[in-house]
Amino acid sequence: MIRIDAIGLANEPMDMRAGIETALARVIAVFGAATAAATCLIT
């Protein structure tokens, strides 16, 4: 069973051509940290 601790919702589009590192940097900037689960969802 997968336990959901938090749900994040995007409120603006992001240029996916920027790459994984840029997407992860945005997650960290917005939420303050990135968990292993969040990085799995980004990739």
N, C-alpha and C. Protein backbone atom coordinates (compact mmCIF):
# COMPACT_ATOMS: atom_id res chain seq x y z
N MET A 1 0.84 -1.17 0.00
CA MET A 1 0.00 0.00 0.00
C MET A 1 0.89 1.24 0.00
N ILE A 2 0.53 2.22 -0.79
CA ILE A 2 1.27 3.48 -0.86
C ILE A 2 0.61 4.49 0.06
N ARG A 3 1.41 5.07 0.95
CA ARG A 3 0.89 6.08 1.87
C ARG A 3 1.17 7.47 1.31
N ILE A 4 0.15 8.30 1.21
CA ILE A 4 0.30 9.65 0.69
C ILE A 4 0.39 10.61 1.85
N ASP A 5 1.55 11.29 1.98
CA ASP A 5 1.75 12.26 3.06
C ASP A 5 1.35 13.66 2.65
N ALA A 6 1.56 13.99 1.38
CA ALA A 6 1.23 15.34 0.90
C ALA A 6 0.99 15.28 -0.60
N ILE A 7 0.20 16.23 -1.07
CA ILE A 7 -0.08 16.34 -2.49
C ILE A 7 0.26 17.76 -2.93
N GLY A 8 1.05 17.86 -3.99
CA GLY A 8 1.39 19.17 -4.54
C GLY A 8 0.66 19.35 -5.87
N LEU A 9 0.18 20.54 -6.10
CA LEU A 9 -0.57 20.84 -7.33
C LEU A 9 0.11 22.00 -8.04
N ALA A 10 0.43 21.80 -9.30
CA ALA A 10 1.06 22.85 -10.09
C ALA A 10 0.03 23.90 -10.45
N ASN A 11 0.41 25.17 -10.35
CA ASN A 11 -0.52 26.23 -10.71
C ASN A 11 -0.04 27.05 -11.89
N GLU A 12 1.10 26.66 -12.46
CA GLU A 12 1.57 27.30 -13.68
C GLU A 12 2.36 26.29 -14.50
N PRO A 13 2.35 26.44 -15.81
CA PRO A 13 3.06 25.48 -16.65
C PRO A 13 4.58 25.62 -16.50
N MET A 14 5.28 24.54 -16.83
CA MET A 14 6.74 24.53 -16.76
C MET A 14 7.29 23.98 -18.06
N ASP A 15 8.35 24.58 -18.52
CA ASP A 15 8.99 24.13 -19.75
C ASP A 15 9.74 22.84 -19.47
N MET A 16 9.22 21.71 -19.95
CA MET A 16 9.82 20.43 -19.66
C MET A 16 11.12 20.19 -20.44
N ARG A 17 11.43 21.06 -21.39
CA ARG A 17 12.69 20.93 -22.12
C ARG A 17 13.88 21.31 -21.25
N ALA A 18 13.63 21.95 -20.11
CA ALA A 18 14.70 22.41 -19.24
C ALA A 18 15.47 21.26 -18.60
N GLY A 19 14.82 20.13 -18.36
CA GLY A 19 15.49 18.97 -17.81
C GLY A 19 15.07 18.64 -16.39
N ILE A 20 15.52 17.47 -15.95
CA ILE A 20 15.15 16.95 -14.64
C ILE A 20 15.72 17.80 -13.52
N GLU A 21 16.96 18.27 -13.68
CA GLU A 21 17.59 19.06 -12.62
C GLU A 21 16.83 20.36 -12.37
N THR A 22 16.36 20.99 -13.44
CA THR A 22 15.60 22.23 -13.31
C THR A 22 14.25 21.96 -12.65
N ALA A 23 13.60 20.86 -13.02
CA ALA A 23 12.32 20.51 -12.41
C ALA A 23 12.50 20.23 -10.92
N LEU A 24 13.55 19.53 -10.56
CA LEU A 24 13.81 19.24 -9.15
C LEU A 24 14.13 20.53 -8.39
N ALA A 25 14.86 21.44 -9.02
CA ALA A 25 15.17 22.73 -8.38
C ALA A 25 13.89 23.52 -8.13
N ARG A 26 12.92 23.46 -9.05
CA ARG A 26 11.65 24.15 -8.84
C ARG A 26 10.87 23.54 -7.68
N VAL A 27 10.88 22.22 -7.58
CA VAL A 27 10.19 21.54 -6.47
C VAL A 27 10.81 21.96 -5.15
N ILE A 28 12.13 21.99 -5.09
CA ILE A 28 12.81 22.39 -3.86
C ILE A 28 12.53 23.86 -3.53
N ALA A 29 12.48 24.71 -4.54
CA ALA A 29 12.21 26.13 -4.32
C ALA A 29 10.79 26.35 -3.78
N VAL A 30 9.84 25.58 -4.26
CA VAL A 30 8.45 25.77 -3.84
C VAL A 30 8.16 25.10 -2.50
N PHE A 31 8.59 23.85 -2.35
CA PHE A 31 8.24 23.08 -1.16
C PHE A 31 9.32 23.08 -0.09
N GLY A 32 10.50 23.57 -0.40
CA GLY A 32 11.57 23.62 0.59
C GLY A 32 12.44 22.38 0.61
N ALA A 33 11.98 21.29 0.07
CA ALA A 33 12.75 20.04 0.03
C ALA A 33 12.10 19.11 -0.98
N ALA A 34 12.84 18.11 -1.36
CA ALA A 34 12.31 17.08 -2.24
C ALA A 34 12.58 15.72 -1.62
N THR A 35 11.55 14.93 -1.49
CA THR A 35 11.70 13.59 -0.95
C THR A 35 11.99 12.60 -2.07
N ALA A 36 12.33 11.39 -1.71
CA ALA A 36 12.57 10.36 -2.72
C ALA A 36 11.31 10.09 -3.54
N ALA A 37 10.16 10.15 -2.89
CA ALA A 37 8.90 9.94 -3.60
C ALA A 37 8.63 11.05 -4.61
N ALA A 38 8.95 12.27 -4.25
CA ALA A 38 8.74 13.39 -5.17
C ALA A 38 9.64 13.26 -6.39
N THR A 39 10.86 12.82 -6.20
CA THR A 39 11.75 12.67 -7.34
C THR A 39 11.29 11.53 -8.24
N CYS A 40 10.65 10.52 -7.69
CA CYS A 40 10.11 9.44 -8.52
C CYS A 40 8.97 9.94 -9.38
N LEU A 41 8.16 10.84 -8.85
CA LEU A 41 7.04 11.38 -9.59
C LEU A 41 7.48 12.33 -10.69
N ILE A 42 8.61 13.01 -10.48
CA ILE A 42 9.11 13.95 -11.48
C ILE A 42 9.67 13.20 -12.68
N THR A 43 10.36 12.11 -12.45
CA THR A 43 11.01 11.38 -13.54
C THR A 43 10.08 10.57 -14.34
